Amino acid sequence: HCLAVGTTSSTVSDVIPAQGQVLA
């Protein structure tokens, strides 16, 4: 069982307010 986390934003050039994203 593994987990990966990040953001729903696809922007890589700046930090954009977005929701957290969890994959399993």
PDBML (XML) file of the C-alpha atoms, coordinates in Angstrom:
<?xml version="1.0" encoding="UTF-8" ?>
<PDBx:datablock datablockName="MODEL"
   xmlns:PDBx="http://pdbml.pdb.org/schema/pdbx-v50.xsd"
   xmlns:xsi="http://www.w3.org/2001/XMLSchema-instance"
   xsi:schemaLocation="http://pdbml.pdb.org/schema/pdbx-v50.xsd pdbx-v50.xsd">
   <PDBx:atom_siteCategory>
      <PDBx:atom_site id="1">
         <PDBx:B_iso_or_equiv>0.00</PDBx:B_iso_or_equiv>
         <PDBx:Cartn_x>0.000</PDBx:Cartn_x>
         <PDBx:Cartn_y>0.000</PDBx:Cartn_y>
         <PDBx:Cartn_z>0.000</PDBx:Cartn_z>
         <PDBx:auth_asym_id>A</PDBx:auth_asym_id>
         <PDBx:auth_atom_id>CA</PDBx:auth_atom_id>
         <PDBx:auth_comp_id>HIS</PDBx:auth_comp_id>
         <PDBx:auth_seq_id>1</PDBx:auth_seq_id>
         <PDBx:group_PDB>ATOM</PDBx:group_PDB>
         <PDBx:label_alt_id xsi:nil="true" />
         <PDBx:label_asym_id>A</PDBx:label_asym_id>
         <PDBx:label_atom_id>CA</PDBx:label_atom_id>
         <PDBx:label_comp_id>HIS</PDBx:label_comp_id>
         <PDBx:label_entity_id>1</PDBx:label_entity_id>
         <PDBx:label_seq_id>1</PDBx:label_seq_id>
         <PDBx:occupancy>1.00</PDBx:occupancy>
         <PDBx:pdbx_PDB_model_num>1</PDBx:pdbx_PDB_model_num>
         <PDBx:type_symbol>C</PDBx:type_symbol>
      </PDBx:atom_site>
      <PDBx:atom_site id="2">
         <PDBx:B_iso_or_equiv>0.00</PDBx:B_iso_or_equiv>
         <PDBx:Cartn_x>1.536</PDBx:Cartn_x>
         <PDBx:Cartn_y>3.310</PDBx:Cartn_y>
         <PDBx:Cartn_z>-1.148</PDBx:Cartn_z>
         <PDBx:auth_asym_id>A</PDBx:auth_asym_id>
         <PDBx:auth_atom_id>CA</PDBx:auth_atom_id>
         <PDBx:auth_comp_id>CYS</PDBx:auth_comp_id>
         <PDBx:auth_seq_id>2</PDBx:auth_seq_id>
         <PDBx:group_PDB>ATOM</PDBx:group_PDB>
         <PDBx:label_alt_id xsi:nil="true" />
         <PDBx:label_asym_id>A</PDBx:label_asym_id>
         <PDBx:label_atom_id>CA</PDBx:label_atom_id>
         <PDBx:label_comp_id>CYS</PDBx:label_comp_id>
         <PDBx:label_entity_id>1</PDBx:label_entity_id>
         <PDBx:label_seq_id>2</PDBx:label_seq_id>
         <PDBx:occupancy>1.00</PDBx:occupancy>
         <PDBx:pdbx_PDB_model_num>1</PDBx:pdbx_PDB_model_num>
         <PDBx:type_symbol>C</PDBx:type_symbol>
      </PDBx:atom_site>
      <PDBx:atom_site id="3">
         <PDBx:B_iso_or_equiv>0.00</PDBx:B_iso_or_equiv>
         <PDBx:Cartn_x>0.400</PDBx:Cartn_x>
         <PDBx:Cartn_y>6.943</PDBx:Cartn_y>
         <PDBx:Cartn_z>-1.089</PDBx:Cartn_z>
         <PDBx:auth_asym_id>A</PDBx:auth_asym_id>
         <PDBx:auth_atom_id>CA</PDBx:auth_atom_id>
         <PDBx:auth_comp_id>LEU</PDBx:auth_comp_id>
         <PDBx:auth_seq_id>3</PDBx:auth_seq_id>
         <PDBx:group_PDB>ATOM</PDBx:group_PDB>
         <PDBx:label_alt_id xsi:nil="true" />
         <PDBx:label_asym_id>A</PDBx:label_asym_id>
         <PDBx:label_atom_id>CA</PDBx:label_atom_id>
         <PDBx:label_comp_id>LEU</PDBx:label_comp_id>
         <PDBx:label_entity_id>1</PDBx:label_entity_id>
         <PDBx:label_seq_id>3</PDBx:label_seq_id>
         <PDBx:occupancy>1.00</PDBx:occupancy>
         <PDBx:pdbx_PDB_model_num>1</PDBx:pdbx_PDB_model_num>
         <PDBx:type_symbol>C</PDBx:type_symbol>
      </PDBx:atom_site>
      <PDBx:atom_site id="4">
         <PDBx:B_iso_or_equiv>0.00</PDBx:B_iso_or_equiv>
         <PDBx:Cartn_x>1.423</PDBx:Cartn_x>
         <PDBx:Cartn_y>9.923</PDBx:Cartn_y>
         <PDBx:Cartn_z>-3.214</PDBx:Cartn_z>
         <PDBx:auth_asym_id>A</PDBx:auth_asym_id>
         <PDBx:auth_atom_id>CA</PDBx:auth_atom_id>
         <PDBx:auth_comp_id>ALA</PDBx:auth_comp_id>
         <PDBx:auth_seq_id>4</PDBx:auth_seq_id>
         <PDBx:group_PDB>ATOM</PDBx:group_PDB>
         <PDBx:label_alt_id xsi:nil="true" />
         <PDBx:label_asym_id>A</PDBx:label_asym_id>
         <PDBx:label_atom_id>CA</PDBx:label_atom_id>
         <PDBx:label_comp_id>ALA</PDBx:label_comp_id>
         <PDBx:label_entity_id>1</PDBx:label_entity_id>
         <PDBx:label_seq_id>4</PDBx:label_seq_id>
         <PDBx:occupancy>1.00</PDBx:occupancy>
         <PDBx:pdbx_PDB_model_num>1</PDBx:pdbx_PDB_model_num>
         <PDBx:type_symbol>C</PDBx:type_symbol>
      </PDBx:atom_site>
      <PDBx:atom_site id="5">
         <PDBx:B_iso_or_equiv>0.00</PDBx:B_iso_or_equiv>
         <PDBx:Cartn_x>0.509</PDBx:Cartn_x>
         <PDBx:Cartn_y>13.550</PDBx:Cartn_y>
         <PDBx:Cartn_z>-2.537</PDBx:Cartn_z>
         <PDBx:auth_asym_id>A</PDBx:auth_asym_id>
         <PDBx:auth_atom_id>CA</PDBx:auth_atom_id>
         <PDBx:auth_comp_id>VAL</PDBx:auth_comp_id>
         <PDBx:auth_seq_id>5</PDBx:auth_seq_id>
         <PDBx:group_PDB>ATOM</PDBx:group_PDB>
         <PDBx:label_alt_id xsi:nil="true" />
         <PDBx:label_asym_id>A</PDBx:label_asym_id>
         <PDBx:label_atom_id>CA</PDBx:label_atom_id>
         <PDBx:label_comp_id>VAL</PDBx:label_comp_id>
         <PDBx:label_entity_id>1</PDBx:label_entity_id>
         <PDBx:label_seq_id>5</PDBx:label_seq_id>
         <PDBx:occupancy>1.00</PDBx:occupancy>
         <PDBx:pdbx_PDB_model_num>1</PDBx:pdbx_PDB_model_num>
         <PDBx:type_symbol>C</PDBx:type_symbol>
      </PDBx:atom_site>
      <PDBx:atom_site id="6">
         <PDBx:B_iso_or_equiv>0.00</PDBx:B_iso_or_equiv>
         <PDBx:Cartn_x>0.548</PDBx:Cartn_x>
         <PDBx:Cartn_y>16.870</PDBx:Cartn_y>
         <PDBx:Cartn_z>-4.343</PDBx:Cartn_z>
         <PDBx:auth_asym_id>A</PDBx:auth_asym_id>
         <PDBx:auth_atom_id>CA</PDBx:auth_atom_id>
         <PDBx:auth_comp_id>GLY</PDBx:auth_comp_id>
         <PDBx:auth_seq_id>6</PDBx:auth_seq_id>
         <PDBx:group_PDB>ATOM</PDBx:group_PDB>
         <PDBx:label_alt_id xsi:nil="true" />
         <PDBx:label_asym_id>A</PDBx:label_asym_id>
         <PDBx:label_atom_id>CA</PDBx:label_atom_id>
         <PDBx:label_comp_id>GLY</PDBx:label_comp_id>
         <PDBx:label_entity_id>1</PDBx:label_entity_id>
         <PDBx:label_seq_id>6</PDBx:label_seq_id>
         <PDBx:occupancy>1.00</PDBx:occupancy>
         <PDBx:pdbx_PDB_model_num>1</PDBx:pdbx_PDB_model_num>
         <PDBx:type_symbol>C</PDBx:type_symbol>
      </PDBx:atom_site>
      <PDBx:atom_site id="7">
         <PDBx:B_iso_or_equiv>0.00</PDBx:B_iso_or_equiv>
         <PDBx:Cartn_x>-1.859</PDBx:Cartn_x>
         <PDBx:Cartn_y>19.470</PDBx:Cartn_y>
         <PDBx:Cartn_z>-5.666</PDBx:Cartn_z>
         <PDBx:auth_asym_id>A</PDBx:auth_asym_id>
         <PDBx:auth_atom_id>CA</PDBx:auth_atom_id>
         <PDBx:auth_comp_id>THR</PDBx:auth_comp_id>
         <PDBx:auth_seq_id>7</PDBx:auth_seq_id>
         <PDBx:group_PDB>ATOM</PDBx:group_PDB>
         <PDBx:label_alt_id xsi:nil="true" />
         <PDBx:label_asym_id>A</PDBx:label_asym_id>
         <PDBx:label_atom_id>CA</PDBx:label_atom_id>
         <PDBx:label_comp_id>THR</PDBx:label_comp_id>
         <PDBx:label_entity_id>1</PDBx:label_entity_id>
         <PDBx:label_seq_id>7</PDBx:label_seq_id>
         <PDBx:occupancy>1.00</PDBx:occupancy>
         <PDBx:pdbx_PDB_model_num>1</PDBx:pdbx_PDB_model_num>
         <PDBx:type_symbol>C</PDBx:type_symbol>
      </PDBx:atom_site>
      <PDBx:atom_site id="8">
         <PDBx:B_iso_or_equiv>0.00</PDBx:B_iso_or_equiv>
         <PDBx:Cartn_x>-4.684</PDBx:Cartn_x>
         <PDBx:Cartn_y>19.581</PDBx:Cartn_y>
         <PDBx:Cartn_z>-8.166</PDBx:Cartn_z>
         <PDBx:auth_asym_id>A</PDBx:auth_asym_id>
         <PDBx:auth_atom_id>CA</PDBx:auth_atom_id>
         <PDBx:auth_comp_id>THR</PDBx:auth_comp_id>
         <PDBx:auth_seq_id>8</PDBx:auth_seq_id>
         <PDBx:group_PDB>ATOM</PDBx:group_PDB>
         <PDBx:label_alt_id xsi:nil="true" />
         <PDBx:label_asym_id>A</PDBx:label_asym_id>
         <PDBx:label_atom_id>CA</PDBx:label_atom_id>
         <PDBx:label_comp_id>THR</PDBx:label_comp_id>
         <PDBx:label_entity_id>1</PDBx:label_entity_id>
         <PDBx:label_seq_id>8</PDBx:label_seq_id>
         <PDBx:occupancy>1.00</PDBx:occupancy>
         <PDBx:pdbx_PDB_model_num>1</PDBx:pdbx_PDB_model_num>
         <PDBx:type_symbol>C</PDBx:type_symbol>
      </PDBx:atom_site>
      <PDBx:atom_site id="9">
         <PDBx:B_iso_or_equiv>0.00</PDBx:B_iso_or_equiv>
         <PDBx:Cartn_x>-2.892</PDBx:Cartn_x>
         <PDBx:Cartn_y>22.494</PDBx:Cartn_y>
         <PDBx:Cartn_z>-9.854</PDBx:Cartn_z>
         <PDBx:auth_asym_id>A</PDBx:auth_asym_id>
         <PDBx:auth_atom_id>CA</PDBx:auth_atom_id>
         <PDBx:auth_comp_id>SER</PDBx:auth_comp_id>
         <PDBx:auth_seq_id>9</PDBx:auth_seq_id>
         <PDBx:group_PDB>ATOM</PDBx:group_PDB>
         <PDBx:label_alt_id xsi:nil="true" />
         <PDBx:label_asym_id>A</PDBx:label_asym_id>
         <PDBx:label_atom_id>CA</PDBx:label_atom_id>
         <PDBx:label_comp_id>SER</PDBx:label_comp_id>
         <PDBx:label_entity_id>1</PDBx:label_entity_id>
         <PDBx:label_seq_id>9</PDBx:label_seq_id>
         <PDBx:occupancy>1.00</PDBx:occupancy>
         <PDBx:pdbx_PDB_model_num>1</PDBx:pdbx_PDB_model_num>
         <PDBx:type_symbol>C</PDBx:type_symbol>
      </PDBx:atom_site>
      <PDBx:atom_site id="10">
         <PDBx:B_iso_or_equiv>0.00</PDBx:B_iso_or_equiv>
         <PDBx:Cartn_x>-0.905</PDBx:Cartn_x>
         <PDBx:Cartn_y>21.690</PDBx:Cartn_y>
         <PDBx:Cartn_z>-12.981</PDBx:Cartn_z>
         <PDBx:auth_asym_id>A</PDBx:auth_asym_id>
         <PDBx:auth_atom_id>CA</PDBx:auth_atom_id>
         <PDBx:auth_comp_id>SER</PDBx:auth_comp_id>
         <PDBx:auth_seq_id>10</PDBx:auth_seq_id>
         <PDBx:group_PDB>ATOM</PDBx:group_PDB>
         <PDBx:label_alt_id xsi:nil="true" />
         <PDBx:label_asym_id>A</PDBx:label_asym_id>
         <PDBx:label_atom_id>CA</PDBx:label_atom_id>
         <PDBx:label_comp_id>SER</PDBx:label_comp_id>
         <PDBx:label_entity_id>1</PDBx:label_entity_id>
         <PDBx:label_seq_id>10</PDBx:label_seq_id>
         <PDBx:occupancy>1.00</PDBx:occupancy>
         <PDBx:pdbx_PDB_model_num>1</PDBx:pdbx_PDB_model_num>
         <PDBx:type_symbol>C</PDBx:type_symbol>
      </PDBx:atom_site>
      <PDBx:atom_site id="11">
         <PDBx:B_iso_or_equiv>0.00</PDBx:B_iso_or_equiv>
         <PDBx:Cartn_x>1.040</PDBx:Cartn_x>
         <PDBx:Cartn_y>24.953</PDBx:Cartn_y>
         <PDBx:Cartn_z>-12.830</PDBx:Cartn_z>
         <PDBx:auth_asym_id>A</PDBx:auth_asym_id>
         <PDBx:auth_atom_id>CA</PDBx:auth_atom_id>
         <PDBx:auth_comp_id>THR</PDBx:auth_comp_id>
         <PDBx:auth_seq_id>11</PDBx:auth_seq_id>
         <PDBx:group_PDB>ATOM</PDBx:group_PDB>
         <PDBx:label_alt_id xsi:nil="true" />
         <PDBx:label_asym_id>A</PDBx:label_asym_id>
         <PDBx:label_atom_id>CA</PDBx:label_atom_id>
         <PDBx:label_comp_id>THR</PDBx:label_comp_id>
         <PDBx:label_entity_id>1</PDBx:label_entity_id>
         <PDBx:label_seq_id>11</PDBx:label_seq_id>
         <PDBx:occupancy>1.00</PDBx:occupancy>
         <PDBx:pdbx_PDB_model_num>1</PDBx:pdbx_PDB_model_num>
         <PDBx:type_symbol>C</PDBx:type_symbol>
      </PDBx:atom_site>
      <PDBx:atom_site id="12">
         <PDBx:B_iso_or_equiv>0.00</PDBx:B_iso_or_equiv>
         <PDBx:Cartn_x>4.771</PDBx:Cartn_x>
         <PDBx:Cartn_y>24.356</PDBx:Cartn_y>
         <PDBx:Cartn_z>-12.403</PDBx:Cartn_z>
         <PDBx:auth_asym_id>A</PDBx:auth_asym_id>
         <PDBx:auth_atom_id>CA</PDBx:auth_atom_id>
         <PDBx:auth_comp_id>VAL</PDBx:auth_comp_id>
         <PDBx:auth_seq_id>12</PDBx:auth_seq_id>
         <PDBx:group_PDB>ATOM</PDBx:group_PDB>
         <PDBx:label_alt_id xsi:nil="true" />
         <PDBx:label_asym_id>A</PDBx:label_asym_id>
         <PDBx:label_atom_id>CA</PDBx:label_atom_id>
         <PDBx:label_comp_id>VAL</PDBx:label_comp_id>
         <PDBx:label_entity_id>1</PDBx:label_entity_id>
         <PDBx:label_seq_id>12</PDBx:label_seq_id>
         <PDBx:occupancy>1.00</PDBx:occupancy>
         <PDBx:pdbx_PDB_model_num>1</PDBx:pdbx_PDB_model_num>
         <PDBx:type_symbol>C</PDBx:type_symbol>
      </PDBx:atom_site>
      <PDBx:atom_site id="13">
         <PDBx:B_iso_or_equiv>0.00</PDBx:B_iso_or_equiv>
         <PDBx:Cartn_x>6.094</PDBx:Cartn_x>
         <PDBx:Cartn_y>27.907</PDBx:Cartn_y>
         <PDBx:Cartn_z>-12.790</PDBx:Cartn_z>
         <PDBx:auth_asym_id>A</PDBx:auth_asym_id>
         <PDBx:auth_atom_id>CA</PDBx:auth_atom_id>
         <PDBx:auth_comp_id>SER</PDBx:auth_comp_id>
         <PDBx:auth_seq_id>13</PDBx:auth_seq_id>
         <PDBx:group_PDB>ATOM</PDBx:group_PDB>
         <PDBx:label_alt_id xsi:nil="true" />
         <PDBx:label_asym_id>A</PDBx:label_asym_id>
         <PDBx:label_atom_id>CA</PDBx:label_atom_id>
         <PDBx:label_comp_id>SER</PDBx:label_comp_id>
         <PDBx:label_entity_id>1</PDBx:label_entity_id>
         <PDBx:label_seq_id>13</PDBx:label_seq_id>
         <PDBx:occupancy>1.00</PDBx:occupancy>
         <PDBx:pdbx_PDB_model_num>1</PDBx:pdbx_PDB_model_num>
         <PDBx:type_symbol>C</PDBx:type_symbol>
      </PDBx:atom_site>
      <PDBx:atom_site id="14">
         <PDBx:B_iso_or_equiv>0.00</PDBx:B_iso_or_equiv>
         <PDBx:Cartn_x>4.481</PDBx:Cartn_x>
         <PDBx:Cartn_y>29.270</PDBx:Cartn_y>
         <PDBx:Cartn_z>-9.611</PDBx:Cartn_z>
         <PDBx:auth_asym_id>A</PDBx:auth_asym_id>
         <PDBx:auth_atom_id>CA</PDBx:auth_atom_id>
         <PDBx:auth_comp_id>ASP</PDBx:auth_comp_id>
         <PDBx:auth_seq_id>14</PDBx:auth_seq_id>
         <PDBx:group_PDB>ATOM</PDBx:group_PDB>
         <PDBx:label_alt_id xsi:nil="true" />
         <PDBx:label_asym_id>A</PDBx:label_asym_id>
         <PDBx:label_atom_id>CA</PDBx:label_atom_id>
         <PDBx:label_comp_id>ASP</PDBx:label_comp_id>
         <PDBx:label_entity_id>1</PDBx:label_entity_id>
         <PDBx:label_seq_id>14</PDBx:label_seq_id>
         <PDBx:occupancy>1.00</PDBx:occupancy>
         <PDBx:pdbx_PDB_model_num>1</PDBx:pdbx_PDB_model_num>
         <PDBx:type_symbol>C</PDBx:type_symbol>
      </PDBx:atom_site>
      <PDBx:atom_site id="15">
         <PDBx:B_iso_or_equiv>0.00</PDBx:B_iso_or_equiv>
         <PDBx:Cartn_x>2.621</PDBx:Cartn_x>
         <PDBx:Cartn_y>28.177</PDBx:Cartn_y>
         <PDBx:Cartn_z>-6.463</PDBx:Cartn_z>
         <PDBx:auth_asym_id>A</PDBx:auth_asym_id>
         <PDBx:auth_atom_id>CA</PDBx:auth_atom_id>
         <PDBx:auth_comp_id>VAL</PDBx:auth_comp_id>
         <PDBx:auth_seq_id>15</PDBx:auth_seq_id>
         <PDBx:group_PDB>ATOM</PDBx:group_PDB>
         <PDBx:label_alt_id xsi:nil="true" />
         <PDBx:label_asym_id>A</PDBx:label_asym_id>
         <PDBx:label_atom_id>CA</PDBx:label_atom_id>
         <PDBx:label_comp_id>VAL</PDBx:label_comp_id>
         <PDBx:label_entity_id>1</PDBx:label_entity_id>
         <PDBx:label_seq_id>15</PDBx:label_seq_id>
         <PDBx:occupancy>1.00</PDBx:occupancy>
         <PDBx:pdbx_PDB_model_num>1</PDBx:pdbx_PDB_model_num>
         <PDBx:type_symbol>C</PDBx:type_symbol>
      </PDBx:atom_site>
      <PDBx:atom_site id="16">
         <PDBx:B_iso_or_equiv>0.00</PDBx:B_iso_or_equiv>
         <PDBx:Cartn_x>-1.094</PDBx:Cartn_x>
         <PDBx:Cartn_y>28.377</PDBx:Cartn_y>
         <PDBx:Cartn_z>-7.250</PDBx:Cartn_z>
         <PDBx:auth_asym_id>A</PDBx:auth_asym_id>
         <PDBx:auth_atom_id>CA</PDBx:auth_atom_id>
         <PDBx:auth_comp_id>ILE</PDBx:auth_comp_id>
         <PDBx:auth_seq_id>16</PDBx:auth_seq_id>
         <PDBx:group_PDB>ATOM</PDBx:group_PDB>
         <PDBx:label_alt_id xsi:nil="true" />
         <PDBx:label_asym_id>A</PDBx:label_asym_id>
         <PDBx:label_atom_id>CA</PDBx:label_atom_id>
         <PDBx:label_comp_id>ILE</PDBx:label_comp_id>
         <PDBx:label_entity_id>1</PDBx:label_entity_id>
         <PDBx:label_seq_id>16</PDBx:label_seq_id>
         <PDBx:occupancy>1.00</PDBx:occupancy>
         <PDBx:pdbx_PDB_model_num>1</PDBx:pdbx_PDB_model_num>
         <PDBx:type_symbol>C</PDBx:type_symbol>
      </PDBx:atom_site>
      <PDBx:atom_site id="17">
         <PDBx:B_iso_or_equiv>0.00</PDBx:B_iso_or_equiv>
         <PDBx:Cartn_x>-3.696</PDBx:Cartn_x>
         <PDBx:Cartn_y>28.001</PDBx:Cartn_y>
         <PDBx:Cartn_z>-4.467</PDBx:Cartn_z>
         <PDBx:auth_asym_id>A</PDBx:auth_asym_id>
         <PDBx:auth_atom_id>CA</PDBx:auth_atom_id>
         <PDBx:auth_comp_id>PRO</PDBx:auth_comp_id>
         <PDBx:auth_seq_id>17</PDBx:auth_seq_id>
         <PDBx:group_PDB>ATOM</PDBx:group_PDB>
         <PDBx:label_alt_id xsi:nil="true" />
         <PDBx:label_asym_id>A</PDBx:label_asym_id>
         <PDBx:label_atom_id>CA</PDBx:label_atom_id>
         <PDBx:label_comp_id>PRO</PDBx:label_comp_id>
         <PDBx:label_entity_id>1</PDBx:label_entity_id>
         <PDBx:label_seq_id>17</PDBx:label_seq_id>
         <PDBx:occupancy>1.00</PDBx:occupancy>
         <PDBx:pdbx_PDB_model_num>1</PDBx:pdbx_PDB_model_num>
         <PDBx:type_symbol>C</PDBx:type_symbol>
      </PDBx:atom_site>
      <PDBx:atom_site id="18">
         <PDBx:B_iso_or_equiv>0.00</PDBx:B_iso_or_equiv>
         <PDBx:Cartn_x>-5.397</PDBx:Cartn_x>
         <PDBx:Cartn_y>24.673</PDBx:Cartn_y>
         <PDBx:Cartn_z>-5.105</PDBx:Cartn_z>
         <PDBx:auth_asym_id>A</PDBx:auth_asym_id>
         <PDBx:auth_atom_id>CA</PDBx:auth_atom_id>
         <PDBx:auth_comp_id>ALA</PDBx:auth_comp_id>
         <PDBx:auth_seq_id>18</PDBx:auth_seq_id>
         <PDBx:group_PDB>ATOM</PDBx:group_PDB>
         <PDBx:label_alt_id xsi:nil="true" />
         <PDBx:label_asym_id>A</PDBx:label_asym_id>
         <PDBx:label_atom_id>CA</PDBx:label_atom_id>
         <PDBx:label_comp_id>ALA</PDBx:label_comp_id>
         <PDBx:label_entity_id>1</PDBx:label_entity_id>
         <PDBx:label_seq_id>18</PDBx:label_seq_id>
         <PDBx:occupancy>1.00</PDBx:occupancy>
         <PDBx:pdbx_PDB_model_num>1</PDBx:pdbx_PDB_model_num>
         <PDBx:type_symbol>C</PDBx:type_symbol>
      </PDBx:atom_site>
      <PDBx:atom_site id="19">
         <PDBx:B_iso_or_equiv>0.00</PDBx:B_iso_or_equiv>
         <PDBx:Cartn_x>-6.766</PDBx:Cartn_x>
         <PDBx:Cartn_y>21.611</PDBx:Cartn_y>
         <PDBx:Cartn_z>-3.351</PDBx:Cartn_z>
         <PDBx:auth_asym_id>A</PDBx:auth_asym_id>
         <PDBx:auth_atom_id>CA</PDBx:auth_atom_id>
         <PDBx:auth_comp_id>GLN</PDBx:auth_comp_id>
         <PDBx:auth_seq_id>19</PDBx:auth_seq_id>
         <PDBx:group_PDB>ATOM</PDBx:group_PDB>
         <PDBx:label_alt_id xsi:nil="true" />
         <PDBx:label_asym_id>A</PDBx:label_asym_id>
         <PDBx:label_atom_id>CA</PDBx:label_atom_id>
         <PDBx:label_comp_id>GLN</PDBx:label_comp_id>
         <PDBx:label_entity_id>1</PDBx:label_entity_id>
         <PDBx:label_seq_id>19</PDBx:label_seq_id>
         <PDBx:occupancy>1.00</PDBx:occupancy>
         <PDBx:pdbx_PDB_model_num>1</PDBx:pdbx_PDB_model_num>
         <PDBx:type_symbol>C</PDBx:type_symbol>
      </PDBx:atom_site>
      <PDBx:atom_site id="20">
         <PDBx:B_iso_or_equiv>0.00</PDBx:B_iso_or_equiv>
         <PDBx:Cartn_x>-4.584</PDBx:Cartn_x>
         <PDBx:Cartn_y>18.850</PDBx:Cartn_y>
         <PDBx:Cartn_z>-2.015</PDBx:Cartn_z>
         <PDBx:auth_asym_id>A</PDBx:auth_asym_id>
         <PDBx:auth_atom_id>CA</PDBx:auth_atom_id>
         <PDBx:auth_comp_id>GLY</PDBx:auth_comp_id>
         <PDBx:auth_seq_id>20</PDBx:auth_seq_id>
         <PDBx:group_PDB>ATOM</PDBx:group_PDB>
         <PDBx:label_alt_id xsi:nil="true" />
         <PDBx:label_asym_id>A</PDBx:label_asym_id>
         <PDBx:label_atom_id>CA</PDBx:label_atom_id>
         <PDBx:label_comp_id>GLY</PDBx:label_comp_id>
         <PDBx:label_entity_id>1</PDBx:label_entity_id>
         <PDBx:label_seq_id>20</PDBx:label_seq_id>
         <PDBx:occupancy>1.00</PDBx:occupancy>
         <PDBx:pdbx_PDB_model_num>1</PDBx:pdbx_PDB_model_num>
         <PDBx:type_symbol>C</PDBx:type_symbol>
      </PDBx:atom_site>
      <PDBx:atom_site id="21">
         <PDBx:B_iso_or_equiv>0.00</PDBx:B_iso_or_equiv>
         <PDBx:Cartn_x>-4.380</PDBx:Cartn_x>
         <PDBx:Cartn_y>15.681</PDBx:Cartn_y>
         <PDBx:Cartn_z>-4.057</PDBx:Cartn_z>
         <PDBx:auth_asym_id>A</PDBx:auth_asym_id>
         <PDBx:auth_atom_id>CA</PDBx:auth_atom_id>
         <PDBx:auth_comp_id>GLN</PDBx:auth_comp_id>
         <PDBx:auth_seq_id>21</PDBx:auth_seq_id>
         <PDBx:group_PDB>ATOM</PDBx:group_PDB>
         <PDBx:label_alt_id xsi:nil="true" />
         <PDBx:label_asym_id>A</PDBx:label_asym_id>
         <PDBx:label_atom_id>CA</PDBx:label_atom_id>
         <PDBx:label_comp_id>GLN</PDBx:label_comp_id>
         <PDBx:label_entity_id>1</PDBx:label_entity_id>
         <PDBx:label_seq_id>21</PDBx:label_seq_id>
         <PDBx:occupancy>1.00</PDBx:occupancy>
         <PDBx:pdbx_PDB_model_num>1</PDBx:pdbx_PDB_model_num>
         <PDBx:type_symbol>C</PDBx:type_symbol>
      </PDBx:atom_site>
      <PDBx:atom_site id="22">
         <PDBx:B_iso_or_equiv>0.00</PDBx:B_iso_or_equiv>
         <PDBx:Cartn_x>-3.886</PDBx:Cartn_x>
         <PDBx:Cartn_y>12.147</PDBx:Cartn_y>
         <PDBx:Cartn_z>-2.719</PDBx:Cartn_z>
         <PDBx:auth_asym_id>A</PDBx:auth_asym_id>
         <PDBx:auth_atom_id>CA</PDBx:auth_atom_id>
         <PDBx:auth_comp_id>VAL</PDBx:auth_comp_id>
         <PDBx:auth_seq_id>22</PDBx:auth_seq_id>
         <PDBx:group_PDB>ATOM</PDBx:group_PDB>
         <PDBx:label_alt_id xsi:nil="true" />
         <PDBx:label_asym_id>A</PDBx:label_asym_id>
         <PDBx:label_atom_id>CA</PDBx:label_atom_id>
         <PDBx:label_comp_id>VAL</PDBx:label_comp_id>
         <PDBx:label_entity_id>1</PDBx:label_entity_id>
         <PDBx:label_seq_id>22</PDBx:label_seq_id>
         <PDBx:occupancy>1.00</PDBx:occupancy>
         <PDBx:pdbx_PDB_model_num>1</PDBx:pdbx_PDB_model_num>
         <PDBx:type_symbol>C</PDBx:type_symbol>
      </PDBx:atom_site>
      <PDBx:atom_site id="23">
         <PDBx:B_iso_or_equiv>0.00</PDBx:B_iso_or_equiv>
         <PDBx:Cartn_x>-3.261</PDBx:Cartn_x>
         <PDBx:Cartn_y>9.074</PDBx:Cartn_y>
         <PDBx:Cartn_z>-4.871</PDBx:Cartn_z>
         <PDBx:auth_asym_id>A</PDBx:auth_asym_id>
         <PDBx:auth_atom_id>CA</PDBx:auth_atom_id>
         <PDBx:auth_comp_id>LEU</PDBx:auth_comp_id>
         <PDBx:auth_seq_id>23</PDBx:auth_seq_id>
         <PDBx:group_PDB>ATOM</PDBx:group_PDB>
         <PDBx:label_alt_id xsi:nil="true" />
         <PDBx:label_asym_id>A</PDBx:label_asym_id>
         <PDBx:label_atom_id>CA</PDBx:label_atom_id>
         <PDBx:label_comp_id>LEU</PDBx:label_comp_id>
         <PDBx:label_entity_id>1</PDBx:label_entity_id>
         <PDBx:label_seq_id>23</PDBx:label_seq_id>
         <PDBx:occupancy>1.00</PDBx:occupancy>
         <PDBx:pdbx_PDB_model_num>1</PDBx:pdbx_PDB_model_num>
         <PDBx:type_symbol>C</PDBx:type_symbol>
      </PDBx:atom_site>
      <PDBx:atom_site id="24">
         <PDBx:B_iso_or_equiv>0.00</PDBx:B_iso_or_equiv>
         <PDBx:Cartn_x>-3.189</PDBx:Cartn_x>
         <PDBx:Cartn_y>5.491</PDBx:Cartn_y>
         <PDBx:Cartn_z>-3.621</PDBx:Cartn_z>
         <PDBx:auth_asym_id>A</PDBx:auth_asym_id>
         <PDBx:auth_atom_id>CA</PDBx:auth_atom_id>
         <PDBx:auth_comp_id>ALA</PDBx:auth_comp_id>
         <PDBx:auth_seq_id>24</PDBx:auth_seq_id>
         <PDBx:group_PDB>ATOM</PDBx:group_PDB>
         <PDBx:label_alt_id xsi:nil="true" />
         <PDBx:label_asym_id>A</PDBx:label_asym_id>
         <PDBx:label_atom_id>CA</PDBx:label_atom_id>
         <PDBx:label_comp_id>ALA</PDBx:label_comp_id>
         <PDBx:label_entity_id>1</PDBx:label_entity_id>
         <PDBx:label_seq_id>24</PDBx:label_seq_id>
         <PDBx:occupancy>1.00</PDBx:occupancy>
         <PDBx:pdbx_PDB_model_num>1</PDBx:pdbx_PDB_model_num>
         <PDBx:type_symbol>C</PDBx:type_symbol>
      </PDBx:atom_site>
   </PDBx:atom_siteCategory>
</PDBx:datablock>
